[in-house]
Amino acid sequence: MLALRDLQKSLPICGALLMAALALGGCSSQLADYTPTDAQAHPREPGSYLPVHDLPPDRDQAIIPPDQRAKIEAELAAARDRQSVAAKDAK
């Protein structure tokens, strides 16, 4: 009987909290449009797409020569092998 009285007392409080949450939730969409005063304004253009057909400018640097590229690849392969051996030893 005591639990029923506690439930009857807490039911209006829970209902009031639920109604307050729903009321504040309805305002959140309007509050989302506000921005801080120091924020930059973003244009709201619905149909603007990224320029996917624009190519970047040509590079000024030369391509790595094949012998230097082979040397770099060999160094990377050696480092990979050292790490795989170290990982096996650690297990």
PDB file of N, CA and C in Angstrom:
ATOM      1  N   MET A   1       0.817  -1.191   0.000  1.00  0.00           N
ATOM      2  CA  MET A   1       0.000   0.000   0.000  1.00  0.00           C
ATOM      3  C   MET A   1       0.863   1.257   0.000  1.00  0.00           C
ATOM      4  N   LEU A   2       1.992   1.147   0.679  1.00  0.00           N
ATOM      5  CA  LEU A   2       2.897   2.289   0.759  1.00  0.00           C
ATOM      6  C   LEU A   2       3.505   2.609  -0.604  1.00  0.00           C
ATOM      7  N   ALA A   3       3.812   1.578  -1.374  1.00  0.00           N
ATOM      8  CA  ALA A   3       4.387   1.786  -2.700  1.00  0.00           C
ATOM      9  C   ALA A   3       3.386   2.454  -3.631  1.00  0.00           C
ATOM     10  N   LEU A   4       2.124   2.153  -3.483  1.00  0.00           N
ATOM     11  CA  LEU A   4       1.094   2.759  -4.321  1.00  0.00           C
ATOM     12  C   LEU A   4       0.980   4.256  -4.043  1.00  0.00           C
ATOM     13  N   ARG A   5       1.095   4.634  -2.760  1.00  0.00           N
ATOM     14  CA  ARG A   5       1.041   6.064  -2.426  1.00  0.00           C
ATOM     15  C   ARG A   5       2.251   6.809  -2.989  1.00  0.00           C
ATOM     16  N   ASP A   6       3.427   6.177  -2.936  1.00  0.00           N
ATOM     17  CA  ASP A   6       4.628   6.801  -3.500  1.00  0.00           C
ATOM     18  C   ASP A   6       4.499   6.969  -5.009  1.00  0.00           C
ATOM     19  N   LEU A   7       3.927   5.986  -5.652  1.00  0.00           N
ATOM     20  CA  LEU A   7       3.719   6.064  -7.092  1.00  0.00           C
ATOM     21  C   LEU A   7       2.740   7.170  -7.443  1.00  0.00           C
ATOM     22  N   GLN A   8       1.694   7.329  -6.640  1.00  0.00           N
ATOM     23  CA  GLN A   8       0.705   8.373  -6.896  1.00  0.00           C
ATOM     24  C   GLN A   8       1.302   9.761  -6.681  1.00  0.00           C
ATOM     25  N   LYS A   9       2.255   9.886  -5.784  1.00  0.00           N
ATOM     26  CA  LYS A   9       2.896  11.178  -5.545  1.00  0.00           C
ATOM     27  C   LYS A   9       3.895  11.519  -6.648  1.00  0.00           C
ATOM     28  N   SER A  10       4.598  10.515  -7.169  1.00  0.00           N
ATOM     29  CA  SER A  10       5.645  10.785  -8.162  1.00  0.00           C
ATOM     30  C   SER A  10       5.102  10.870  -9.585  1.00  0.00           C
ATOM     31  N   LEU A  11       3.912  10.359  -9.824  1.00  0.00           N
ATOM     32  CA  LEU A  11       3.344  10.379 -11.165  1.00  0.00           C
ATOM     33  C   LEU A  11       3.128  11.800 -11.701  1.00  0.00           C
ATOM     34  N   PRO A  12       2.566  12.741 -10.951  1.00  0.00           N
ATOM     35  CA  PRO A  12       2.425  14.103 -11.481  1.00  0.00           C
ATOM     36  C   PRO A  12       3.772  14.786 -11.721  1.00  0.00           C
ATOM     37  N   ILE A  13       4.751  14.482 -10.880  1.00  0.00           N
ATOM     38  CA  ILE A  13       6.081  15.076 -11.065  1.00  0.00           C
ATOM     39  C   ILE A  13       6.714  14.562 -12.353  1.00  0.00           C
ATOM     40  N   CYS A  14       6.611  13.260 -12.584  1.00  0.00           N
ATOM     41  CA  CYS A  14       7.163  12.686 -13.824  1.00  0.00           C
ATOM     42  C   CYS A  14       6.437  13.228 -15.051  1.00  0.00           C
ATOM     43  N   GLY A  15       5.128  13.410 -14.938  1.00  0.00           N
ATOM     44  CA  GLY A  15       4.372  13.971 -16.052  1.00  0.00           C
ATOM     45  C   GLY A  15       4.783  15.397 -16.355  1.00  0.00           C
ATOM     46  N   ALA A  16       5.010  16.184 -15.309  1.00  0.00           N
ATOM     47  CA  ALA A  16       5.435  17.570 -15.515  1.00  0.00           C
ATOM     48  C   ALA A  16       6.820  17.623 -16.136  1.00  0.00           C
ATOM     49  N   LEU A  17       7.721  16.741 -15.707  1.00  0.00           N
ATOM     50  CA  LEU A  17       9.060  16.694 -16.304  1.00  0.00           C
ATOM     51  C   LEU A  17       9.009  16.279 -17.774  1.00  0.00           C
ATOM     52  N   LEU A  18       8.150  15.327 -18.095  1.00  0.00           N
ATOM     53  CA  LEU A  18       8.003  14.889 -19.480  1.00  0.00           C
ATOM     54  C   LEU A  18       7.457  16.008 -20.357  1.00  0.00           C
ATOM     55  N   MET A  19       6.470  16.729 -19.866  1.00  0.00           N
ATOM     56  CA  MET A  19       5.909  17.841 -20.647  1.00  0.00           C
ATOM     57  C   MET A  19       6.927  18.955 -20.838  1.00  0.00           C
ATOM     58  N   ALA A  20       7.731  19.239 -19.811  1.00  0.00           N
ATOM     59  CA  ALA A  20       8.771  20.264 -19.940  1.00  0.00           C
ATOM     60  C   ALA A  20       9.824  19.839 -20.951  1.00  0.00           C
ATOM     61  N   ALA A  21      10.197  18.563 -20.948  1.00  0.00           N
ATOM     62  CA  ALA A  21      11.183  18.074 -21.909  1.00  0.00           C
ATOM     63  C   ALA A  21      10.661  18.171 -23.332  1.00  0.00           C
ATOM     64  N   LEU A  22       9.402  17.820 -23.527  1.00  0.00           N
ATOM     65  CA  LEU A  22       8.826  17.910 -24.871  1.00  0.00           C
ATOM     66  C   LEU A  22       8.703  19.359 -25.329  1.00  0.00           C
ATOM     67  N   ALA A  23       8.360  20.244 -24.416  1.00  0.00           N
ATOM     68  CA  ALA A  23       8.231  21.654 -24.779  1.00  0.00           C
ATOM     69  C   ALA A  23       9.586  22.240 -25.153  1.00  0.00           C
ATOM     70  N   LEU A  24      10.614  21.904 -24.398  1.00  0.00           N
ATOM     71  CA  LEU A  24      11.947  22.414 -24.719  1.00  0.00           C
ATOM     72  C   LEU A  24      12.514  21.757 -25.968  1.00  0.00           C
ATOM     73  N   GLY A  25      12.160  20.523 -26.212  1.00  0.00           N
ATOM     74  CA  GLY A  25      12.612  19.841 -27.429  1.00  0.00           C
ATOM     75  C   GLY A  25      12.035  20.471 -28.676  1.00  0.00           C
ATOM     76  N   GLY A  26      10.842  21.005 -28.596  1.00  0.00           N
ATOM     77  CA  GLY A  26      10.242  21.677 -29.743  1.00  0.00           C
ATOM     78  C   GLY A  26      10.924  22.982 -30.070  1.00  0.00           C
ATOM     79  N   CYS A  27      11.543  23.605 -29.089  1.00  0.00           N
ATOM     80  CA  CYS A  27      12.234  24.873 -29.321  1.00  0.00           C
ATOM     81  C   CYS A  27      13.647  24.676 -29.859  1.00  0.00           C
ATOM     82  N   SER A  28      14.176  23.466 -29.782  1.00  0.00           N
ATOM     83  CA  SER A  28      15.575  23.257 -30.152  1.00  0.00           C
ATOM     84  C   SER A  28      15.816  23.526 -31.635  1.00  0.00           C
ATOM     85  N   SER A  29      14.839  23.265 -32.497  1.00  0.00           N
ATOM     86  CA  SER A  29      15.048  23.516 -33.916  1.00  0.00           C
ATOM     87  C   SER A  29      15.145  25.011 -34.197  1.00  0.00           C
ATOM     88  N   GLN A  30      14.442  25.814 -33.440  1.00  0.00           N
ATOM     89  CA  GLN A  30      14.536  27.252 -33.628  1.00  0.00           C
ATOM     90  C   GLN A  30      15.829  27.789 -33.042  1.00  0.00           C
ATOM     91  N   LEU A  31      16.305  27.207 -31.963  1.00  0.00           N
ATOM     92  CA  LEU A  31      17.545  27.662 -31.345  1.00  0.00           C
ATOM     93  C   LEU A  31      18.763  27.278 -32.165  1.00  0.00           C
ATOM     94  N   ALA A  32      18.657  26.253 -32.990  1.00  0.00           N
ATOM     95  CA  ALA A  32      19.788  25.801 -33.789  1.00  0.00           C
ATOM     96  C   ALA A  32      20.150  26.815 -34.864  1.00  0.00           C
ATOM     97  N   ASP A  33      19.234  27.681 -35.250  1.00  0.00           N
ATOM     98  CA  ASP A  33      19.517  28.674 -36.282  1.00  0.00           C
ATOM     99  C   ASP A  33      20.322  29.855 -35.756  1.00  0.00           C
ATOM    100  N   TYR A  34      20.377  30.042 -34.456  1.00  0.00           N
ATOM    101  CA  TYR A  34      21.140  31.143 -33.885  1.00  0.00           C
ATOM    102  C   TYR A  34      22.623  30.810 -33.904  1.00  0.00           C
ATOM    103  N   THR A  35      23.442  31.800 -34.242  1.00  0.00           N
ATOM    104  CA  THR A  35      24.883  31.617 -34.243  1.00  0.00           C
ATOM    105  C   THR A  35      25.507  32.656 -33.323  1.00  0.00           C
ATOM    106  N   PRO A  36      26.716  32.389 -32.822  1.00  0.00           N
ATOM    107  CA  PRO A  36      27.390  33.394 -32.003  1.00  0.00           C
ATOM    108  C   PRO A  36      27.684  34.652 -32.818  1.00  0.00           C
ATOM    109  N   THR A  37      27.871  35.742 -32.147  1.00  0.00           N
ATOM    110  CA  THR A  37      28.066  37.011 -32.853  1.00  0.00           C
ATOM    111  C   THR A  37      29.399  37.062 -33.589  1.00  0.00           C
ATOM    112  N   ASP A  38      30.402  36.327 -33.129  1.00  0.00           N
ATOM    113  CA  ASP A  38      31.705  36.377 -33.793  1.00  0.00           C
ATOM    114  C   ASP A  38      31.873  35.291 -34.859  1.00  0.00           C
ATOM    115  N   ALA A  39      30.850  34.493 -35.111  1.00  0.00           N
ATOM    116  CA  ALA A  39      30.932  33.449 -36.122  1.00  0.00           C
ATOM    117  C   ALA A  39      30.779  34.053 -37.516  1.00  0.00           C
ATOM    118  N   GLN A  40      31.468  33.450 -38.488  1.00  0.00           N
ATOM    119  CA  GLN A  40      31.359  33.923 -39.855  1.00  0.00           C
ATOM    120  C   GLN A  40      30.047  33.427 -40.455  1.00  0.00           C
ATOM    121  N   ALA A  41      29.446  34.270 -41.240  1.00  0.00           N
ATOM    122  CA  ALA A  41      28.177  33.903 -41.871  1.00  0.00           C
ATOM    123  C   ALA A  41      28.453  32.987 -43.055  1.00  0.00           C
ATOM    124  N   HIS A  42      27.728  31.892 -43.133  1.00  0.00           N
ATOM    125  CA  HIS A  42      27.867  30.956 -44.244  1.00  0.00           C
ATOM    126  C   HIS A  42      26.709  31.166 -45.208  1.00  0.00           C
ATOM    127  N   PRO A  43      27.004  31.273 -46.495  1.00  0.00           N
ATOM    128  CA  PRO A  43      25.914  31.445 -47.448  1.00  0.00           C
ATOM    129  C   PRO A  43      25.064  30.182 -47.516  1.00  0.00           C
ATOM    130  N   ARG A  44      23.776  30.357 -47.629  1.00  0.00           N
ATOM    131  CA  ARG A  44      22.861  29.217 -47.703  1.00  0.00           C
ATOM    132  C   ARG A  44      22.395  29.049 -49.138  1.00  0.00           C
ATOM    133  N   GLU A  45      23.269  28.454 -49.954  1.00  0.00           N
ATOM    134  CA  GLU A  45      22.934  28.182 -51.337  1.00  0.00           C
ATOM    135  C   GLU A  45      22.641  26.687 -51.466  1.00  0.00           C
ATOM    136  N   PRO A  46      21.408  26.314 -51.727  1.00  0.00           N
ATOM    137  CA  PRO A  46      21.065  24.890 -51.714  1.00  0.00           C
ATOM    138  C   PRO A  46      21.631  24.102 -52.889  1.00  0.00           C
ATOM    139  N   GLY A  47      21.927  24.731 -54.029  1.00  0.00           N
ATOM    140  CA  GLY A  47      22.332  23.978 -55.201  1.00  0.00           C
ATOM    141  C   GLY A  47      23.801  24.055 -55.542  1.00  0.00           C
ATOM    142  N   SER A  48      24.667  24.437 -54.616  1.00  0.00           N
ATOM    143  CA  SER A  48      26.077  24.577 -54.960  1.00  0.00           C
ATOM    144  C   SER A  48      26.796  23.248 -54.752  1.00  0.00           C
ATOM    145  N   TYR A  49      27.491  22.794 -55.786  1.00  0.00           N
ATOM    146  CA  TYR A  49      28.242  21.544 -55.741  1.00  0.00           C
ATOM    147  C   TYR A  49      29.731  21.857 -55.797  1.00  0.00           C
ATOM    148  N   LEU A  50      30.546  20.914 -55.364  1.00  0.00           N
ATOM    149  CA  LEU A  50      31.990  21.082 -55.433  1.00  0.00           C
ATOM    150  C   LEU A  50      32.455  20.996 -56.886  1.00  0.00           C
ATOM    151  N   PRO A  51      33.504  21.731 -57.239  1.00  0.00           N
ATOM    152  CA  PRO A  51      33.994  21.693 -58.624  1.00  0.00           C
ATOM    153  C   PRO A  51      34.803  20.420 -58.873  1.00  0.00           C
ATOM    154  N   VAL A  52      34.139  19.352 -59.284  1.00  0.00           N
ATOM    155  CA  VAL A  52      34.813  18.068 -59.437  1.00  0.00           C
ATOM    156  C   VAL A  52      35.599  17.959 -60.749  1.00  0.00           C
ATOM    157  N   HIS A  53      35.322  18.803 -61.714  1.00  0.00           N
ATOM    158  CA  HIS A  53      36.010  18.708 -63.002  1.00  0.00           C
ATOM    159  C   HIS A  53      37.221  19.633 -63.083  1.00  0.00           C
ATOM    160  N   ASP A  54      37.437  20.449 -62.062  1.00  0.00           N
ATOM    161  CA  ASP A  54      38.608  21.318 -62.058  1.00  0.00           C
ATOM    162  C   ASP A  54      39.829  20.515 -61.635  1.00  0.00           C
ATOM    163  N   LEU A  55      40.860  20.530 -62.463  1.00  0.00           N
ATOM    164  CA  LEU A  55      42.083  19.791 -62.168  1.00  0.00           C
ATOM    165  C   LEU A  55      43.062  20.687 -61.421  1.00  0.00           C
ATOM    166  N   PRO A  56      43.877  20.115 -60.531  1.00  0.00           N
ATOM    167  CA  PRO A  56      44.872  20.920 -59.834  1.00  0.00           C
ATOM    168  C   PRO A  56      45.976  21.346 -60.802  1.00  0.00           C
ATOM    169  N   PRO A  57      46.712  22.396 -60.473  1.00  0.00           N
ATOM    170  CA  PRO A  57      47.790  22.826 -61.363  1.00  0.00           C
ATOM    171  C   PRO A  57      48.912  21.792 -61.393  1.00  0.00           C
ATOM    172  N   ASP A  58      49.715  21.829 -62.471  1.00  0.00           N
ATOM    173  CA  ASP A  58      50.841  20.907 -62.606  1.00  0.00           C
ATOM    174  C   ASP A  58      51.867  21.171 -61.505  1.00  0.00           C
ATOM    175  N   ARG A  59      52.565  20.116 -61.125  1.00  0.00           N
ATOM    176  CA  ARG A  59      53.574  20.244 -60.070  1.00  0.00           C
ATOM    177  C   ARG A  59      54.854  20.854 -60.629  1.00  0.00           C
ATOM    178  N   ASP A  60      55.508  21.610 -59.750  1.00  0.00           N
ATOM    179  CA  ASP A  60      56.788  22.203 -60.134  1.00  0.00           C
ATOM    180  C   ASP A  60      57.947  21.260 -59.837  1.00  0.00           C
ATOM    181  N   GLN A  61      57.743  20.306 -58.938  1.00  0.00           N
ATOM    182  CA  GLN A  61      58.815  19.395 -58.558  1.00  0.00           C
ATOM    183  C   GLN A  61      58.918  18.251 -59.559  1.00  0.00           C
ATOM    184  N   ALA A  62      60.146  17.739 -59.713  1.00  0.00           N
ATOM    185  CA  ALA A  62      60.370  16.627 -60.630  1.00  0.00           C
ATOM    186  C   ALA A  62      59.969  15.315 -59.953  1.00  0.00           C
ATOM    187  N   ILE A  63      59.689  14.317 -60.774  1.00  0.00           N
ATOM    188  CA  ILE A  63      59.348  12.993 -60.274  1.00  0.00           C
ATOM    189  C   ILE A  63      60.613  12.325 -59.740  1.00  0.00           C
ATOM    190  N   ILE A  64      60.471  11.471 -58.732  1.00  0.00           N
ATOM    191  CA  ILE A  64      61.636  10.781 -58.154  1.00  0.00           C
ATOM    192  C   ILE A  64      62.234   9.848 -59.207  1.00  0.00           C
ATOM    193  N   PRO A  65      63.556   9.895 -59.393  1.00  0.00           N
ATOM    194  CA  PRO A  65      64.197   8.993 -60.365  1.00  0.00           C
ATOM    195  C   PRO A  65      64.010   7.527 -59.958  1.00  0.00           C
ATOM    196  N   PRO A  66      63.990   6.620 -60.930  1.00  0.00           N
ATOM    197  CA  PRO A  66      63.732   5.204 -60.624  1.00  0.00           C
ATOM    198  C   PRO A  66      64.741   4.585 -59.655  1.00  0.00           C
ATOM    199  N   ASP A  67      66.020   4.951 -59.740  1.00  0.00           N
ATOM    200  CA  ASP A  67      67.000   4.349 -58.832  1.00  0.00           C
ATOM    201  C   ASP A  67      66.780   4.806 -57.387  1.00  0.00           C
ATOM    202  N   GLN A  68      66.431   6.077 -57.210  1.00  0.00           N
ATOM    203  CA  GLN A  68      66.166   6.582 -55.863  1.00  0.00           C
ATOM    204  C   GLN A  68      64.865   5.973 -55.327  1.00  0.00           C
ATOM    205  N   ARG A  69      63.891   5.785 -56.203  1.00  0.00           N
ATOM    206  CA  ARG A  69      62.631   5.162 -55.792  1.00  0.00           C
ATOM    207  C   ARG A  69      62.857   3.716 -55.343  1.00  0.00           C
ATOM    208  N   ALA A  70      63.691   2.984 -56.069  1.00  0.00           N
ATOM    209  CA  ALA A  70      63.996   1.601 -55.698  1.00  0.00           C
ATOM    210  C   ALA A  70      64.709   1.552 -54.347  1.00  0.00           C
ATOM    211  N   LYS A  71      65.597   2.513 -54.097  1.00  0.00           N
ATOM    212  CA  LYS A  71      66.312   2.572 -52.824  1.00  0.00           C
ATOM    213  C   LYS A  71      65.329   2.822 -51.673  1.00  0.00           C
ATOM    214  N   ILE A  72      64.385   3.742 -51.860  1.00  0.00           N
ATOM    215  CA  ILE A  72      63.401   4.065 -50.827  1.00  0.00           C
ATOM    216  C   ILE A  72      62.509   2.853 -50.563  1.00  0.00           C
ATOM    217  N   GLU A  73      62.078   2.167 -51.632  1.00  0.00           N
ATOM    218  CA  GLU A  73      61.239   0.987 -51.460  1.00  0.00           C
ATOM    219  C   GLU A  73      61.983  -0.123 -50.725  1.00  0.00           C
ATOM    220  N   ALA A  74      63.281  -0.290 -51.013  1.00  0.00           N
ATOM    221  CA  ALA A  74      64.068  -1.308 -50.318  1.00  0.00           C
ATOM    222  C   ALA A  74      64.201  -0.973 -48.828  1.00  0.00           C
ATOM    223  N   GLU A  75      64.400   0.315 -48.506  1.00  0.00           N
ATOM    224  CA  GLU A  75      64.498   0.723 -47.106  1.00  0.00           C
ATOM    225  C   GLU A  75      63.182   0.486 -46.379  1.00  0.00           C
ATOM    226  N   LEU A  76      62.062   0.784 -47.039  1.00  0.00           N
ATOM    227  CA  LEU A  76      60.757   0.556 -46.420  1.00  0.00           C
ATOM    228  C   LEU A  76      60.485  -0.933 -46.219  1.00  0.00           C
ATOM    229  N   ALA A  77      60.869  -1.758 -47.187  1.00  0.00           N
ATOM    230  CA  ALA A  77      60.672  -3.207 -47.056  1.00  0.00           C
ATOM    231  C   ALA A  77      61.528  -3.754 -45.919  1.00  0.00           C
ATOM    232  N   ALA A  78      62.760  -3.261 -45.784  1.00  0.00           N
ATOM    233  CA  ALA A  78      63.631  -3.710 -44.695  1.00  0.00           C
ATOM    234  C   ALA A  78      63.057  -3.294 -43.342  1.00  0.00           C
ATOM    235  N   ALA A  79      62.522  -2.090 -43.245  1.00  0.00           N
ATOM    236  CA  ALA A  79      61.910  -1.635 -41.988  1.00  0.00           C
ATOM    237  C   ALA A  79      60.684  -2.479 -41.662  1.00  0.00           C
ATOM    238  N   ARG A  80      59.883  -2.823 -42.659  1.00  0.00           N
ATOM    239  CA  ARG A  80      58.707  -3.667 -42.443  1.00  0.00           C
ATOM    240  C   ARG A  80      59.116  -5.044 -41.942  1.00  0.00           C
ATOM    241  N   ASP A  81      60.184  -5.605 -42.532  1.00  0.00           N
ATOM    242  CA  ASP A  81      60.632  -6.919 -42.107  1.00  0.00           C
ATOM    243  C   ASP A  81      61.160  -6.894 -40.673  1.00  0.00           C
ATOM    244  N   ARG A  82      61.895  -5.830 -40.320  1.00  0.00           N
ATOM    245  CA  ARG A  82      62.406  -5.706 -38.948  1.00  0.00           C
ATOM    246  C   ARG A  82      61.257  -5.611 -37.961  1.00  0.00           C
ATOM    247  N   GLN A  83      60.221  -4.858 -38.299  1.00  0.00           N
ATOM    248  CA  GLN A  83      59.095  -4.711 -37.395  1.00  0.00           C
ATOM    249  C   GLN A  83      58.287  -6.008 -37.264  1.00  0.00           C
ATOM    250  N   SER A  84      58.161  -6.760 -38.343  1.00  0.00           N
ATOM    251  CA  SER A  84      57.409  -8.011 -38.258  1.00  0.00           C
ATOM    252  C   SER A  84      58.174  -9.025 -37.394  1.00  0.00           C
ATOM    253  N   VAL A  85      59.511  -9.046 -37.475  1.00  0.00           N
ATOM    254  CA  VAL A  85      60.301  -9.927 -36.628  1.00  0.00           C
ATOM    255  C   VAL A  85      60.188  -9.489 -35.169  1.00  0.00           C
ATOM    256  N   ALA A  86      60.230  -8.177 -34.929  1.00  0.00           N
ATOM    257  CA  ALA A  86      60.105  -7.675 -33.553  1.00  0.00           C
ATOM    258  C   ALA A  86      58.728  -7.985 -32.990  1.00  0.00           C
ATOM    259  N   ALA A  87      57.688  -7.915 -33.818  1.00  0.00           N
ATOM    260  CA  ALA A  87      56.336  -8.204 -33.359  1.00  0.00           C
ATOM    261  C   ALA A  87      56.180  -9.685 -33.011  1.00  0.00           C
ATOM    262  N   LYS A  88      56.828 -10.575 -33.792  1.00  0.00           N
ATOM    263  CA  LYS A  88      56.764 -11.991 -33.499  1.00  0.00           C
ATOM    264  C   LYS A  88      57.503 -12.312 -32.206  1.00  0.00           C
ATOM    265  N   ASP A  89      58.622 -11.645 -31.970  1.00  0.00           N
ATOM    266  CA  ASP A  89      59.380 -11.857 -30.737  1.00  0.00           C
ATOM    267  C   ASP A  89      58.638 -11.348 -29.515  1.00  0.00           C
ATOM    268  N   ALA A  90      57.861 -10.315 -29.684  1.00  0.00           N
ATOM    269  CA  ALA A  90      57.130  -9.718 -28.555  1.00  0.00           C
ATOM    270  C   ALA A  90      55.981 -10.614 -28.111  1.00  0.00           C
ATOM    271  N   LYS A  91      55.452 -11.425 -29.020  1.00  0.00           N
ATOM    272  CA  LYS A  91      54.336 -12.304 -28.659  1.00  0.00           C
ATOM    273  C   LYS A  91      54.883 -13.467 -27.920  1.00  0.00           C
TER     274      LYS A  91
END
